[in-house]
Protein backbone atom coordinates (compact mmCIF):
# COMPACT_ATOMS: atom_id res chain seq x y z
CA MET A 1 -46.95 -12.68 16.37
CA ALA A 2 -44.09 -15.13 17.10
CA LEU A 3 -40.60 -13.81 17.75
CA ASP A 4 -37.60 -15.21 15.89
CA PRO A 5 -35.21 -17.34 17.95
CA PRO A 6 -32.09 -15.48 19.17
CA GLU A 7 -29.90 -17.13 16.51
CA ILE A 8 -32.06 -15.79 13.69
CA GLN A 9 -32.22 -12.33 15.29
CA LEU A 10 -28.42 -12.28 15.59
CA ARG A 11 -28.01 -13.49 11.99
CA LYS A 12 -30.29 -10.68 10.76
CA ILE A 13 -28.26 -8.09 12.68
CA LEU A 14 -24.96 -9.47 11.38
CA ASP A 15 -26.24 -9.60 7.80
CA LYS A 16 -27.35 -5.98 8.03
CA LYS A 17 -23.93 -4.90 9.42
CA GLU A 18 -22.12 -6.91 6.73
CA ARG A 19 -24.15 -5.22 3.97
CA LYS A 20 -23.41 -1.84 5.54
CA LEU A 21 -19.68 -2.65 5.79
CA ASN A 22 -19.50 -3.75 2.14
CA GLY A 23 -21.34 -0.56 1.17
CA ILE A 24 -18.89 1.54 3.18
CA PHE A 25 -15.93 0.09 1.28
CA ARG A 26 -17.45 1.29 -1.98
CA THR A 27 -17.60 4.88 -0.68
CA ASN A 28 -14.93 7.46 0.10
CA VAL A 29 -14.60 6.15 3.66
CA GLY A 30 -13.78 2.71 2.29
CA ARG A 31 -11.26 4.10 -0.18
CA PHE A 32 -9.38 5.69 2.72
CA ILE A 33 -7.80 2.37 3.74
CA PRO A 34 -6.42 1.37 0.32
CA ASN A 35 -5.11 4.91 -0.19
CA LEU A 36 -3.54 4.83 3.27
CA ALA A 37 -1.84 1.55 2.35
CA ARG A 38 -0.48 3.04 -0.87
CA ASP A 39 0.77 6.16 0.91
CA LEU A 40 2.54 4.08 3.56
CA VAL A 41 4.49 2.17 0.90
CA VAL A 42 5.27 5.26 -1.19
CA ASN A 43 6.42 7.38 1.77
CA ARG A 44 8.58 4.60 3.24
CA THR A 45 10.22 3.97 -0.11
CA ARG A 46 10.90 7.66 -0.69
CA ARG A 47 12.58 7.77 2.73
CA GLY A 48 14.97 5.07 1.45
CA PHE A 49 13.60 1.92 3.09
CA GLY A 50 12.35 -1.33 1.60
CA VAL A 51 10.66 -4.51 2.83
CA LYS A 52 11.73 -7.92 1.51
CA LYS A 53 8.52 -9.79 2.34
CA SER A 54 5.13 -8.76 3.64
CA GLY A 55 5.07 -8.57 7.41
CA GLY A 56 8.85 -8.32 7.49
CA ALA A 57 11.12 -5.67 8.86
CA GLN A 58 12.09 -2.51 7.03
CA PHE A 59 15.66 -2.29 5.79
CA LYS A 60 17.71 0.58 4.41
CA LEU A 61 17.96 0.26 0.65
CA PRO A 62 21.49 -0.51 -0.56
CA LYS A 63 23.69 2.44 -1.47
CA LEU A 64 23.91 3.53 -5.07
CA SER A 65 27.10 2.93 -7.04
CA THR A 66 29.43 5.86 -7.66
CA ASN A 67 28.86 5.69 -11.42
CA TYR A 68 25.09 5.70 -10.98
CA ILE A 69 25.30 8.71 -8.65
CA LYS A 70 27.27 10.57 -11.35
CA LYS A 71 24.62 9.67 -13.92
CA ARG A 72 21.87 10.94 -11.63
CA ARG A 73 23.72 14.23 -11.04
CA LYS A 74 23.83 14.90 -14.79
CA SER A 75 20.21 13.95 -15.47
CA PRO A 76 17.60 16.70 -15.92
CA ASP A 77 14.89 14.07 -15.29
CA LEU A 78 15.80 13.43 -11.64
CA SER A 79 12.70 13.56 -9.48
CA PRO A 80 12.36 16.45 -7.02
CA ASP A 81 11.53 13.80 -4.38
CA THR A 82 15.12 12.57 -4.28
CA SER A 83 18.75 13.58 -4.55
CA PRO A 84 21.51 12.02 -6.69
CA GLU A 85 22.96 10.16 -3.68
CA LYS A 86 19.72 8.96 -2.09
CA ALA A 87 18.84 5.30 -2.63
CA ASN A 88 15.04 5.35 -2.65
CA ASN A 89 14.03 3.58 -5.89
CA THR A 90 13.27 6.98 -7.40
CA PHE A 91 14.97 8.32 -10.49
CA THR A 92 12.20 10.09 -12.36
CA GLY A 93 9.58 9.16 -9.76
CA ASP A 94 7.41 7.46 -12.39
CA LEU A 95 7.63 3.96 -10.89
CA ILE A 96 6.52 4.91 -7.39
CA ASP A 97 3.98 7.46 -8.65
CA SER A 98 2.40 4.82 -10.90
CA LEU A 99 1.50 2.56 -7.97
CA GLU A 100 -2.27 2.00 -8.12
CA VAL A 101 -4.87 0.82 -5.64
CA ARG A 102 -7.61 -1.41 -7.01
CA LEU A 103 -10.67 -2.43 -5.02
CA LEU A 104 -11.24 -6.13 -5.67
CA SER A 105 -14.45 -6.93 -3.81
CA GLY A 106 -16.01 -5.95 -0.53
CA SER A 107 -13.11 -4.84 1.64
CA ARG A 108 -10.31 -6.47 -0.39
CA PHE A 109 -7.89 -4.38 -2.41
CA GLU A 110 -4.53 -4.73 -4.12
CA LEU A 111 -1.59 -2.46 -4.80
CA ARG A 112 -0.25 -2.95 -8.28
CA LEU A 113 2.02 -1.50 -10.91
CA PRO A 114 -0.16 -0.82 -13.95
CA THR A 115 2.30 -1.18 -16.83
CA GLN A 116 4.53 -3.98 -18.03
CA ARG A 117 7.47 -1.54 -17.99
CA ALA A 118 6.86 -0.70 -14.31
CA ARG A 119 6.64 -4.39 -13.40
CA LYS A 120 9.88 -5.07 -15.30
CA ILE A 121 11.69 -2.25 -13.47
CA ASN A 122 10.31 -3.55 -10.17
CA GLY A 123 11.61 -7.05 -10.97
CA TYR A 124 15.04 -5.57 -11.64
CA LEU A 125 14.95 -3.67 -8.34
CA VAL A 126 13.96 -6.83 -6.43
CA ASP A 127 16.84 -8.73 -8.10
CA MET A 128 19.19 -5.95 -6.97
CA GLY A 129 18.04 -6.30 -3.33
CA ARG A 130 15.76 -3.25 -3.42
CA ALA A 131 12.38 -4.86 -2.71
CA TRP A 132 9.79 -2.25 -1.73
CA LEU A 133 6.33 -3.38 -2.79
CA ASN A 134 5.47 -5.17 0.47
CA PHE A 135 4.04 -4.08 3.81
CA SER A 136 6.24 -4.05 6.89
CA ALA A 137 4.90 -5.33 10.21
CA SER A 138 4.34 -1.75 11.44
CA GLU A 139 2.53 -0.77 8.23
CA THR A 140 0.30 -3.83 8.52
CA LYS A 141 -0.53 -2.79 12.09
CA LYS A 142 -1.48 0.73 10.92
CA ILE A 143 -3.73 -0.70 8.21
CA ARG A 144 -5.42 -3.06 10.68
CA THR A 145 -6.00 -0.16 13.07
CA ALA A 146 -7.65 1.83 10.26
CA ILE A 147 -9.84 -1.15 9.32
CA ARG A 148 -10.92 -1.55 12.95
CA ALA A 149 -11.85 2.13 13.05
CA VAL A 150 -14.02 1.73 9.94
CA ILE A 151 -15.66 -1.37 11.43
CA ARG A 152 -16.36 0.47 14.71
CA PHE A 153 -17.90 3.28 12.64
CA VAL A 154 -20.16 0.77 10.86
CA VAL A 155 -21.16 -1.20 13.97
CA LYS A 156 -22.32 1.94 15.82
């Protein structure tokens, strides 16, 4: 019985690991990373910080106008995750809570706003200097660290 050359042996091993990795991303372990990514964005935004472009620095969201603060004080719909004075892109909480994670293929995923209304509100927020639906450099690093941990788990 002839042995395969080292290149073929290596290719077989890599193919097996790749199949295992793609399988992992379809399980609960693989859903951990997209959910982590969503939680990072949601928690940062609720703390009052945004990110203008992916990989950029976090910035404190601009202060709310006095009239808008008064409107928020009177509203019974104000989210429990905020206060009338806090600028965190949360009024009712529906926009941030609606953020979805969708697995595209293999280990690729996207964060998206599911409704046209949510996308319209997000566009308005971006125009007002309140961009939030991006990953900061530190969030990207956390996501990469989680991906490496999953890969190490698979390669074992």
